Amino acid sequence: MKKEFFNPDSVNDRESFIQFVEWLIEDRQEADDLERCDSQRYKLGGANGWQNSSISSFLEGAIAGADGQRDWANGDGGPSWKDLAVFLYLGKIYE
């Protein structure tokens, strides 16, 4: 059973980051199942809002999304847990 949507903006520490990554894994697994069951429906876009299903396209989307956000990870001391969660979320949604 998939967890409810876990917003990357709610990530603020290691524990909430791990929870977010677990949600992301479950969300991708559910999308895989949906796409397998009805491939025609998801021909032009993935289930659950996934735009990138391979690791390479996922990481390309994350990089492109982060590059397009001028304020991403610009805090003092490097990226925060939230910044890392946003980076992964961008991999899901950014084309």
PDB file of N, CA and C in Angstrom:
ATOM      1  N   MET A   1       0.847  -1.184   0.000  1.00  0.00           N
ATOM      2  CA  MET A   1       0.000   0.000   0.000  1.00  0.00           C
ATOM      3  C   MET A   1       0.891   1.247   0.000  1.00  0.00           C
ATOM      4  N   LYS A   2       0.640   2.115  -0.953  1.00  0.00           N
ATOM      5  CA  LYS A   2       1.448   3.328  -1.090  1.00  0.00           C
ATOM      6  C   LYS A   2       1.103   4.328   0.005  1.00  0.00           C
ATOM      7  N   LYS A   3       2.153   4.951   0.524  1.00  0.00           N
ATOM      8  CA  LYS A   3       1.964   6.016   1.509  1.00  0.00           C
ATOM      9  C   LYS A   3       1.327   7.228   0.837  1.00  0.00           C
ATOM     10  N   GLU A   4       0.675   8.043   1.625  1.00  0.00           N
ATOM     11  CA  GLU A   4       0.148   9.306   1.113  1.00  0.00           C
ATOM     12  C   GLU A   4       1.305  10.146   0.578  1.00  0.00           C
ATOM     13  N   PHE A   5       0.978  11.099  -0.277  1.00  0.00           N
ATOM     14  CA  PHE A   5       2.004  11.974  -0.854  1.00  0.00           C
ATOM     15  C   PHE A   5       2.861  12.589   0.238  1.00  0.00           C
ATOM     16  N   PHE A   6       4.142  12.499   0.066  1.00  0.00           N
ATOM     17  CA  PHE A   6       5.097  13.051   1.009  1.00  0.00           C
ATOM     18  C   PHE A   6       5.778  14.222   0.323  1.00  0.00           C
ATOM     19  N   ASN A   7       5.458  15.413   0.727  1.00  0.00           N
ATOM     20  CA  ASN A   7       5.937  16.633   0.092  1.00  0.00           C
ATOM     21  C   ASN A   7       7.416  16.859   0.400  1.00  0.00           C
ATOM     22  N   PRO A   8       8.243  17.100  -0.619  1.00  0.00           N
ATOM     23  CA  PRO A   8       9.664  17.350  -0.352  1.00  0.00           C
ATOM     24  C   PRO A   8       9.891  18.597   0.506  1.00  0.00           C
ATOM     25  N   ASP A   9       8.934  19.518   0.510  1.00  0.00           N
ATOM     26  CA  ASP A   9       9.076  20.712   1.350  1.00  0.00           C
ATOM     27  C   ASP A   9       8.983  20.393   2.837  1.00  0.00           C
ATOM     28  N   SER A  10       8.457  19.211   3.174  1.00  0.00           N
ATOM     29  CA  SER A  10       8.344  18.843   4.583  1.00  0.00           C
ATOM     30  C   SER A  10       9.588  18.108   5.095  1.00  0.00           C
ATOM     31  N   VAL A  11      10.557  17.887   4.239  1.00  0.00           N
ATOM     32  CA  VAL A  11      11.799  17.231   4.648  1.00  0.00           C
ATOM     33  C   VAL A  11      12.691  18.244   5.362  1.00  0.00           C
ATOM     34  N   ASN A  12      13.116  17.886   6.578  1.00  0.00           N
ATOM     35  CA  ASN A  12      13.963  18.817   7.337  1.00  0.00           C
ATOM     36  C   ASN A  12      15.092  18.142   8.096  1.00  0.00           C
ATOM     37  N   ASP A  13      15.181  16.817   8.003  1.00  0.00           N
ATOM     38  CA  ASP A  13      16.259  16.095   8.682  1.00  0.00           C
ATOM     39  C   ASP A  13      16.467  14.750   7.998  1.00  0.00           C
ATOM     40  N   ARG A  14      17.442  13.995   8.503  1.00  0.00           N
ATOM     41  CA  ARG A  14      17.779  12.705   7.907  1.00  0.00           C
ATOM     42  C   ARG A  14      16.568  11.773   7.889  1.00  0.00           C
ATOM     43  N   GLU A  15      15.859  11.684   9.001  1.00  0.00           N
ATOM     44  CA  GLU A  15      14.724  10.772   9.104  1.00  0.00           C
ATOM     45  C   GLU A  15      13.625  11.102   8.094  1.00  0.00           C
ATOM     46  N   SER A  16      13.265  12.372   7.982  1.00  0.00           N
ATOM     47  CA  SER A  16      12.214  12.738   7.029  1.00  0.00           C
ATOM     48  C   SER A  16      12.704  12.575   5.588  1.00  0.00           C
ATOM     49  N   PHE A  17      14.012  12.729   5.347  1.00  0.00           N
ATOM     50  CA  PHE A  17      14.567  12.486   4.010  1.00  0.00           C
ATOM     51  C   PHE A  17      14.427  11.010   3.642  1.00  0.00           C
ATOM     52  N   ILE A  18      14.769  10.131   4.581  1.00  0.00           N
ATOM     53  CA  ILE A  18      14.640   8.691   4.338  1.00  0.00           C
ATOM     54  C   ILE A  18      13.178   8.333   4.076  1.00  0.00           C
ATOM     55  N   GLN A  19      12.250   8.902   4.838  1.00  0.00           N
ATOM     56  CA  GLN A  19      10.824   8.663   4.616  1.00  0.00           C
ATOM     57  C   GLN A  19      10.411   9.126   3.226  1.00  0.00           C
ATOM     58  N   PHE A  20      10.931  10.276   2.797  1.00  0.00           N
ATOM     59  CA  PHE A  20      10.617  10.779   1.469  1.00  0.00           C
ATOM     60  C   PHE A  20      11.129   9.824   0.393  1.00  0.00           C
ATOM     61  N   VAL A  21      12.347   9.341   0.540  1.00  0.00           N
ATOM     62  CA  VAL A  21      12.909   8.413  -0.445  1.00  0.00           C
ATOM     63  C   VAL A  21      12.101   7.111  -0.470  1.00  0.00           C
ATOM     64  N   GLU A  22      11.676   6.627   0.691  1.00  0.00           N
ATOM     65  CA  GLU A  22      10.831   5.433   0.732  1.00  0.00           C
ATOM     66  C   GLU A  22       9.515   5.677  -0.002  1.00  0.00           C
ATOM     67  N   TRP A  23       8.929   6.863   0.203  1.00  0.00           N
ATOM     68  CA  TRP A  23       7.698   7.208  -0.520  1.00  0.00           C
ATOM     69  C   TRP A  23       7.957   7.217  -2.032  1.00  0.00           C
ATOM     70  N   LEU A  24       9.071   7.814  -2.440  1.00  0.00           N
ATOM     71  CA  LEU A  24       9.404   7.910  -3.854  1.00  0.00           C
ATOM     72  C   LEU A  24       9.554   6.515  -4.470  1.00  0.00           C
ATOM     73  N   ILE A  25      10.188   5.610  -3.752  1.00  0.00           N
ATOM     74  CA  ILE A  25      10.345   4.229  -4.227  1.00  0.00           C
ATOM     75  C   ILE A  25       8.976   3.584  -4.410  1.00  0.00           C
ATOM     76  N   GLU A  26       8.122   3.688  -3.405  1.00  0.00           N
ATOM     77  CA  GLU A  26       6.790   3.090  -3.484  1.00  0.00           C
ATOM     78  C   GLU A  26       5.965   3.720  -4.612  1.00  0.00           C
ATOM     79  N   ASP A  27       6.108   5.012  -4.785  1.00  0.00           N
ATOM     80  CA  ASP A  27       5.384   5.705  -5.841  1.00  0.00           C
ATOM     81  C   ASP A  27       5.829   5.214  -7.212  1.00  0.00           C
ATOM     82  N   ARG A  28       7.139   5.009  -7.408  1.00  0.00           N
ATOM     83  CA  ARG A  28       7.655   4.516  -8.692  1.00  0.00           C
ATOM     84  C   ARG A  28       7.208   3.080  -8.924  1.00  0.00           C
ATOM     85  N   GLN A  29       7.215   2.260  -7.875  1.00  0.00           N
ATOM     86  CA  GLN A  29       6.778   0.879  -8.010  1.00  0.00           C
ATOM     87  C   GLN A  29       5.303   0.810  -8.410  1.00  0.00           C
ATOM     88  N   GLU A  30       4.488   1.652  -7.793  1.00  0.00           N
ATOM     89  CA  GLU A  30       3.073   1.697  -8.164  1.00  0.00           C
ATOM     90  C   GLU A  30       2.917   2.154  -9.607  1.00  0.00           C
ATOM     91  N   ALA A  31       3.697   3.151 -10.013  1.00  0.00           N
ATOM     92  CA  ALA A  31       3.641   3.639 -11.394  1.00  0.00           C
ATOM     93  C   ALA A  31       4.035   2.529 -12.369  1.00  0.00           C
ATOM     94  N   ASP A  32       5.067   1.750 -12.027  1.00  0.00           N
ATOM     95  CA  ASP A  32       5.469   0.624 -12.878  1.00  0.00           C
ATOM     96  C   ASP A  32       4.309  -0.341 -13.071  1.00  0.00           C
ATOM     97  N   ASP A  33       3.624  -0.681 -11.980  1.00  0.00           N
ATOM     98  CA  ASP A  33       2.489  -1.600 -12.053  1.00  0.00           C
ATOM     99  C   ASP A  33       1.370  -1.038 -12.937  1.00  0.00           C
ATOM    100  N   LEU A  34       1.037   0.229 -12.723  1.00  0.00           N
ATOM    101  CA  LEU A  34      -0.022   0.859 -13.515  1.00  0.00           C
ATOM    102  C   LEU A  34       0.343   0.905 -14.995  1.00  0.00           C
ATOM    103  N   GLU A  35       1.581   1.237 -15.275  1.00  0.00           N
ATOM    104  CA  GLU A  35       2.028   1.339 -16.662  1.00  0.00           C
ATOM    105  C   GLU A  35       2.042  -0.025 -17.344  1.00  0.00           C
ATOM    106  N   ARG A  36       2.399  -1.072 -16.605  1.00  0.00           N
ATOM    107  CA  ARG A  36       2.379  -2.421 -17.156  1.00  0.00           C
ATOM    108  C   ARG A  36       0.956  -2.867 -17.484  1.00  0.00           C
ATOM    109  N   CYS A  37       0.017  -2.517 -16.615  1.00  0.00           N
ATOM    110  CA  CYS A  37      -1.376  -2.939 -16.795  1.00  0.00           C
ATOM    111  C   CYS A  37      -2.087  -2.188 -17.927  1.00  0.00           C
ATOM    112  N   ASP A  38      -1.661  -0.961 -18.202  1.00  0.00           N
ATOM    113  CA  ASP A  38      -2.343  -0.147 -19.220  1.00  0.00           C
ATOM    114  C   ASP A  38      -1.312   0.715 -19.958  1.00  0.00           C
ATOM    115  N   SER A  39      -0.469   0.047 -20.726  1.00  0.00           N
ATOM    116  CA  SER A  39       0.637   0.744 -21.385  1.00  0.00           C
ATOM    117  C   SER A  39       0.169   1.803 -22.373  1.00  0.00           C
ATOM    118  N   GLN A  40      -0.960   1.591 -23.023  1.00  0.00           N
ATOM    119  CA  GLN A  40      -1.470   2.583 -23.981  1.00  0.00           C
ATOM    120  C   GLN A  40      -1.830   3.895 -23.277  1.00  0.00           C
ATOM    121  N   ARG A  41      -2.429   3.797 -22.122  1.00  0.00           N
ATOM    122  CA  ARG A  41      -2.830   5.000 -21.377  1.00  0.00           C
ATOM    123  C   ARG A  41      -1.626   5.859 -21.007  1.00  0.00           C
ATOM    124  N   TYR A  42      -0.517   5.216 -20.718  1.00  0.00           N
ATOM    125  CA  TYR A  42       0.666   5.942 -20.246  1.00  0.00           C
ATOM    126  C   TYR A  42       1.746   6.051 -21.319  1.00  0.00           C
ATOM    127  N   LYS A  43       1.336   5.979 -22.554  1.00  0.00           N
ATOM    128  CA  LYS A  43       2.277   6.036 -23.679  1.00  0.00           C
ATOM    129  C   LYS A  43       3.021   7.376 -23.745  1.00  0.00           C
ATOM    130  N   LEU A  44       2.336   8.467 -23.433  1.00  0.00           N
ATOM    131  CA  LEU A  44       2.945   9.799 -23.560  1.00  0.00           C
ATOM    132  C   LEU A  44       3.398  10.408 -22.230  1.00  0.00           C
ATOM    133  N   GLY A  45       3.037   9.811 -21.146  1.00  0.00           N
ATOM    134  CA  GLY A  45       3.439  10.300 -19.825  1.00  0.00           C
ATOM    135  C   GLY A  45       3.225   9.203 -18.812  1.00  0.00           C
ATOM    136  N   GLY A  46       4.112   9.117 -17.850  1.00  0.00           N
ATOM    137  CA  GLY A  46       4.049   8.034 -16.893  1.00  0.00           C
ATOM    138  C   GLY A  46       2.952   8.184 -15.852  1.00  0.00           C
ATOM    139  N   ALA A  47       2.630   7.084 -15.223  1.00  0.00           N
ATOM    140  CA  ALA A  47       1.644   7.062 -14.143  1.00  0.00           C
ATOM    141  C   ALA A  47       2.174   7.845 -12.941  1.00  0.00           C
ATOM    142  N   ASN A  48       1.254   8.343 -12.148  1.00  0.00           N
ATOM    143  CA  ASN A  48       1.584   9.081 -10.912  1.00  0.00           C
ATOM    144  C   ASN A  48       2.457  10.307 -11.162  1.00  0.00           C
ATOM    145  N   GLY A  49       2.408  10.832 -12.371  1.00  0.00           N
ATOM    146  CA  GLY A  49       3.178  12.035 -12.675  1.00  0.00           C
ATOM    147  C   GLY A  49       4.646  11.799 -12.992  1.00  0.00           C
ATOM    148  N   TRP A  50       5.047  10.548 -13.127  1.00  0.00           N
ATOM    149  CA  TRP A  50       6.447  10.242 -13.442  1.00  0.00           C
ATOM    150  C   TRP A  50       6.732  10.558 -14.904  1.00  0.00           C
ATOM    151  N   GLN A  51       7.732  11.379 -15.123  1.00  0.00           N
ATOM    152  CA  GLN A  51       8.152  11.719 -16.472  1.00  0.00           C
ATOM    153  C   GLN A  51       9.394  10.939 -16.890  1.00  0.00           C
ATOM    154  N   ASN A  52      10.082  10.350 -15.926  1.00  0.00           N
ATOM    155  CA  ASN A  52      11.352   9.671 -16.199  1.00  0.00           C
ATOM    156  C   ASN A  52      11.366   8.308 -15.524  1.00  0.00           C
ATOM    157  N   SER A  53      11.462   7.260 -16.326  1.00  0.00           N
ATOM    158  CA  SER A  53      11.405   5.918 -15.755  1.00  0.00           C
ATOM    159  C   SER A  53      12.763   5.224 -15.684  1.00  0.00           C
ATOM    160  N   SER A  54      13.743   5.684 -16.435  1.00  0.00           N
ATOM    161  CA  SER A  54      15.079   5.094 -16.338  1.00  0.00           C
ATOM    162  C   SER A  54      15.928   5.953 -15.402  1.00  0.00           C
ATOM    163  N   ILE A  55      16.955   5.360 -14.841  1.00  0.00           N
ATOM    164  CA  ILE A  55      17.808   6.104 -13.908  1.00  0.00           C
ATOM    165  C   ILE A  55      18.500   7.262 -14.619  1.00  0.00           C
ATOM    166  N   SER A  56      18.901   7.062 -15.871  1.00  0.00           N
ATOM    167  CA  SER A  56      19.589   8.139 -16.581  1.00  0.00           C
ATOM    168  C   SER A  56      18.650   9.313 -16.848  1.00  0.00           C
ATOM    169  N   SER A  57      17.423   9.035 -17.306  1.00  0.00           N
ATOM    170  CA  SER A  57      16.497  10.147 -17.551  1.00  0.00           C
ATOM    171  C   SER A  57      16.046  10.787 -16.243  1.00  0.00           C
ATOM    172  N   PHE A  58      15.925   9.988 -15.181  1.00  0.00           N
ATOM    173  CA  PHE A  58      15.579  10.509 -13.863  1.00  0.00           C
ATOM    174  C   PHE A  58      16.640  11.510 -13.395  1.00  0.00           C
ATOM    175  N   LEU A  59      17.905  11.127 -13.493  1.00  0.00           N
ATOM    176  CA  LEU A  59      18.982  12.018 -13.051  1.00  0.00           C
ATOM    177  C   LEU A  59      19.128  13.229 -13.963  1.00  0.00           C
ATOM    178  N   GLU A  60      18.911  13.050 -15.257  1.00  0.00           N
ATOM    179  CA  GLU A  60      18.933  14.199 -16.176  1.00  0.00           C
ATOM    180  C   GLU A  60      17.835  15.187 -15.813  1.00  0.00           C
ATOM    181  N   GLY A  61      16.643  14.688 -15.491  1.00  0.00           N
ATOM    182  CA  GLY A  61      15.546  15.554 -15.070  1.00  0.00           C
ATOM    183  C   GLY A  61      15.856  16.276 -13.774  1.00  0.00           C
ATOM    184  N   ALA A  62      16.467  15.570 -12.832  1.00  0.00           N
ATOM    185  CA  ALA A  62      16.830  16.178 -11.552  1.00  0.00           C
ATOM    186  C   ALA A  62      17.846  17.304 -11.754  1.00  0.00           C
ATOM    187  N   ILE A  63      18.842  17.052 -12.573  1.00  0.00           N
ATOM    188  CA  ILE A  63      19.859  18.070 -12.842  1.00  0.00           C
ATOM    189  C   ILE A  63      19.256  19.258 -13.574  1.00  0.00           C
ATOM    190  N   ALA A  64      18.457  19.001 -14.601  1.00  0.00           N
ATOM    191  CA  ALA A  64      17.840  20.095 -15.363  1.00  0.00           C
ATOM    192  C   ALA A  64      16.913  20.914 -14.468  1.00  0.00           C
ATOM    193  N   GLY A  65      16.143  20.236 -13.622  1.00  0.00           N
ATOM    194  CA  GLY A  65      15.245  20.948 -12.717  1.00  0.00           C
ATOM    195  C   GLY A  65      15.993  21.783 -11.699  1.00  0.00           C
ATOM    196  N   ALA A  66      17.048  21.224 -11.131  1.00  0.00           N
ATOM    197  CA  ALA A  66      17.848  21.960 -10.153  1.00  0.00           C
ATOM    198  C   ALA A  66      18.545  23.144 -10.813  1.00  0.00           C
ATOM    199  N   ASP A  67      19.047  22.933 -12.028  1.00  0.00           N
ATOM    200  CA  ASP A  67      19.717  24.009 -12.752  1.00  0.00           C
ATOM    201  C   ASP A  67      18.746  25.143 -13.067  1.00  0.00           C
ATOM    202  N   GLY A  68      17.482  24.795 -13.286  1.00  0.00           N
ATOM    203  CA  GLY A  68      16.476  25.799 -13.608  1.00  0.00           C
ATOM    204  C   GLY A  68      15.953  26.571 -12.398  1.00  0.00           C
ATOM    205  N   GLN A  69      16.304  26.141 -11.207  1.00  0.00           N
ATOM    206  CA  GLN A  69      15.870  26.828  -9.988  1.00  0.00           C
ATOM    207  C   GLN A  69      17.068  27.536  -9.362  1.00  0.00           C
ATOM    208  N   ARG A  70      17.106  28.811  -9.534  1.00  0.00           N
ATOM    209  CA  ARG A  70      18.252  29.585  -9.062  1.00  0.00           C
ATOM    210  C   ARG A  70      18.468  29.502  -7.550  1.00  0.00           C
ATOM    211  N   ASP A  71      17.394  29.289  -6.797  1.00  0.00           N
ATOM    212  CA  ASP A  71      17.536  29.261  -5.344  1.00  0.00           C
ATOM    213  C   ASP A  71      17.800  27.864  -4.787  1.00  0.00           C
ATOM    214  N   TRP A  72      17.897  26.861  -5.657  1.00  0.00           N
ATOM    215  CA  TRP A  72      18.114  25.506  -5.169  1.00  0.00           C
ATOM    216  C   TRP A  72      19.499  25.365  -4.555  1.00  0.00           C
ATOM    217  N   ALA A  73      19.541  24.904  -3.316  1.00  0.00           N
ATOM    218  CA  ALA A  73      20.785  24.578  -2.596  1.00  0.00           C
ATOM    219  C   ALA A  73      21.741  25.758  -2.491  1.00  0.00           C
ATOM    220  N   ASN A  74      21.214  26.956  -2.331  1.00  0.00           N
ATOM    221  CA  ASN A  74      22.074  28.121  -2.185  1.00  0.00           C
ATOM    222  C   ASN A  74      22.241  28.568  -0.733  1.00  0.00           C
ATOM    223  N   GLY A  75      21.822  27.735   0.199  1.00  0.00           N
ATOM    224  CA  GLY A  75      21.962  28.090   1.607  1.00  0.00           C
ATOM    225  C   GLY A  75      23.401  27.947   2.081  1.00  0.00           C
ATOM    226  N   ASP A  76      23.664  28.474   3.233  1.00  0.00           N
ATOM    227  CA  ASP A  76      24.997  28.353   3.827  1.00  0.00           C
ATOM    228  C   ASP A  76      25.284  26.906   4.195  1.00  0.00           C
ATOM    229  N   GLY A  77      26.480  26.463   3.949  1.00  0.00           N
ATOM    230  CA  GLY A  77      26.881  25.127   4.356  1.00  0.00           C
ATOM    231  C   GLY A  77      26.509  24.014   3.393  1.00  0.00           C
ATOM    232  N   GLY A  78      26.053  24.331   2.209  1.00  0.00           N
ATOM    233  CA  GLY A  78      25.721  23.307   1.232  1.00  0.00           C
ATOM    234  C   GLY A  78      24.261  22.907   1.268  1.00  0.00           C
ATOM    235  N   PRO A  79      23.902  21.916   0.481  1.00  0.00           N
ATOM    236  CA  PRO A  79      22.497  21.505   0.369  1.00  0.00           C
ATOM    237  C   PRO A  79      21.948  20.973   1.697  1.00  0.00           C
ATOM    238  N   SER A  80      20.696  21.264   1.937  1.00  0.00           N
ATOM    239  CA  SER A  80      20.009  20.752   3.124  1.00  0.00           C
ATOM    240  C   SER A  80      19.332  19.423   2.773  1.00  0.00           C
ATOM    241  N   TRP A  81      18.772  18.766   3.778  1.00  0.00           N
ATOM    242  CA  TRP A  81      17.988  17.555   3.525  1.00  0.00           C
ATOM    243  C   TRP A  81      16.829  17.873   2.584  1.00  0.00           C
ATOM    244  N   LYS A  82      16.204  19.008   2.791  1.00  0.00           N
ATOM    245  CA  LYS A  82      15.099  19.424   1.918  1.00  0.00           C
ATOM    246  C   LYS A  82      15.597  19.609   0.484  1.00  0.00           C
ATOM    247  N   ASP A  83      16.741  20.251   0.309  1.00  0.00           N
ATOM    248  CA  ASP A  83      17.301  20.442  -1.027  1.00  0.00           C
ATOM    249  C   ASP A  83      17.521  19.100  -1.728  1.00  0.00           C
ATOM    250  N   LEU A  84      18.026  18.115  -0.999  1.00  0.00           N
ATOM    251  CA  LEU A  84      18.250  16.797  -1.584  1.00  0.00           C
ATOM    252  C   LEU A  84      16.931  16.142  -1.978  1.00  0.00           C
ATOM    253  N   ALA A  85      15.898  16.295  -1.136  1.00  0.00           N
ATOM    254  CA  ALA A  85      14.581  15.749  -1.459  1.00  0.00           C
ATOM    255  C   ALA A  85      13.995  16.428  -2.696  1.00  0.00           C
ATOM    256  N   VAL A  86      14.129  17.742  -2.784  1.00  0.00           N
ATOM    257  CA  VAL A  86      13.637  18.467  -3.956  1.00  0.00           C
ATOM    258  C   VAL A  86      14.359  17.988  -5.211  1.00  0.00           C
ATOM    259  N   PHE A  87      15.667  17.777  -5.113  1.00  0.00           N
ATOM    260  CA  PHE A  87      16.445  17.279  -6.238  1.00  0.00           C
ATOM    261  C   PHE A  87      15.880  15.956  -6.745  1.00  0.00           C
ATOM    262  N   LEU A  88      15.601  15.029  -5.832  1.00  0.00           N
ATOM    263  CA  LEU A  88      15.044  13.737  -6.235  1.00  0.00           C
ATOM    264  C   LEU A  88      13.635  13.886  -6.808  1.00  0.00           C
ATOM    265  N   TYR A  89      12.841  14.756  -6.213  1.00  0.00           N
ATOM    266  CA  TYR A  89      11.481  14.978  -6.712  1.00  0.00           C
ATOM    267  C   TYR A  89      11.513  15.553  -8.132  1.00  0.00           C
ATOM    268  N   LEU A  90      12.467  16.432  -8.384  1.00  0.00           N
ATOM    269  CA  LEU A  90      12.597  16.989  -9.737  1.00  0.00           C
ATOM    270  C   LEU A  90      12.898  15.888 -10.756  1.00  0.00           C
ATOM    271  N   GLY A  91      13.633  14.856 -10.324  1.00  0.00           N
ATOM    272  CA  GLY A  91      13.890  13.724 -11.199  1.00  0.00           C
ATOM    273  C   GLY A  91      12.614  13.014 -11.623  1.00  0.00           C
ATOM    274  N   LYS A  92      11.619  13.059 -10.762  1.00  0.00           N
ATOM    275  CA  LYS A  92      10.329  12.440 -11.071  1.00  0.00           C
ATOM    276  C   LYS A  92       9.539  13.271 -12.065  1.00  0.00           C
ATOM    277  N   ILE A  93       9.493  14.578 -11.872  1.00  0.00           N
ATOM    278  CA  ILE A  93       8.535  15.410 -12.596  1.00  0.00           C
ATOM    279  C   ILE A  93       9.097  16.237 -13.738  1.00  0.00           C
ATOM    280  N   TYR A  94      10.404  16.461 -13.770  1.00  0.00           N
ATOM    281  CA  TYR A  94      10.984  17.368 -14.766  1.00  0.00           C
ATOM    282  C   TYR A  94      11.340  16.601 -16.037  1.00  0.00           C
ATOM    283  N   GLU A  95      10.921  17.114 -17.170  1.00  0.00           N
ATOM    284  CA  GLU A  95      11.221  16.456 -18.449  1.00  0.00           C
ATOM    285  C   GLU A  95      12.473  17.031 -19.070  1.00  0.00           C
TER     286      GLU A  95
END
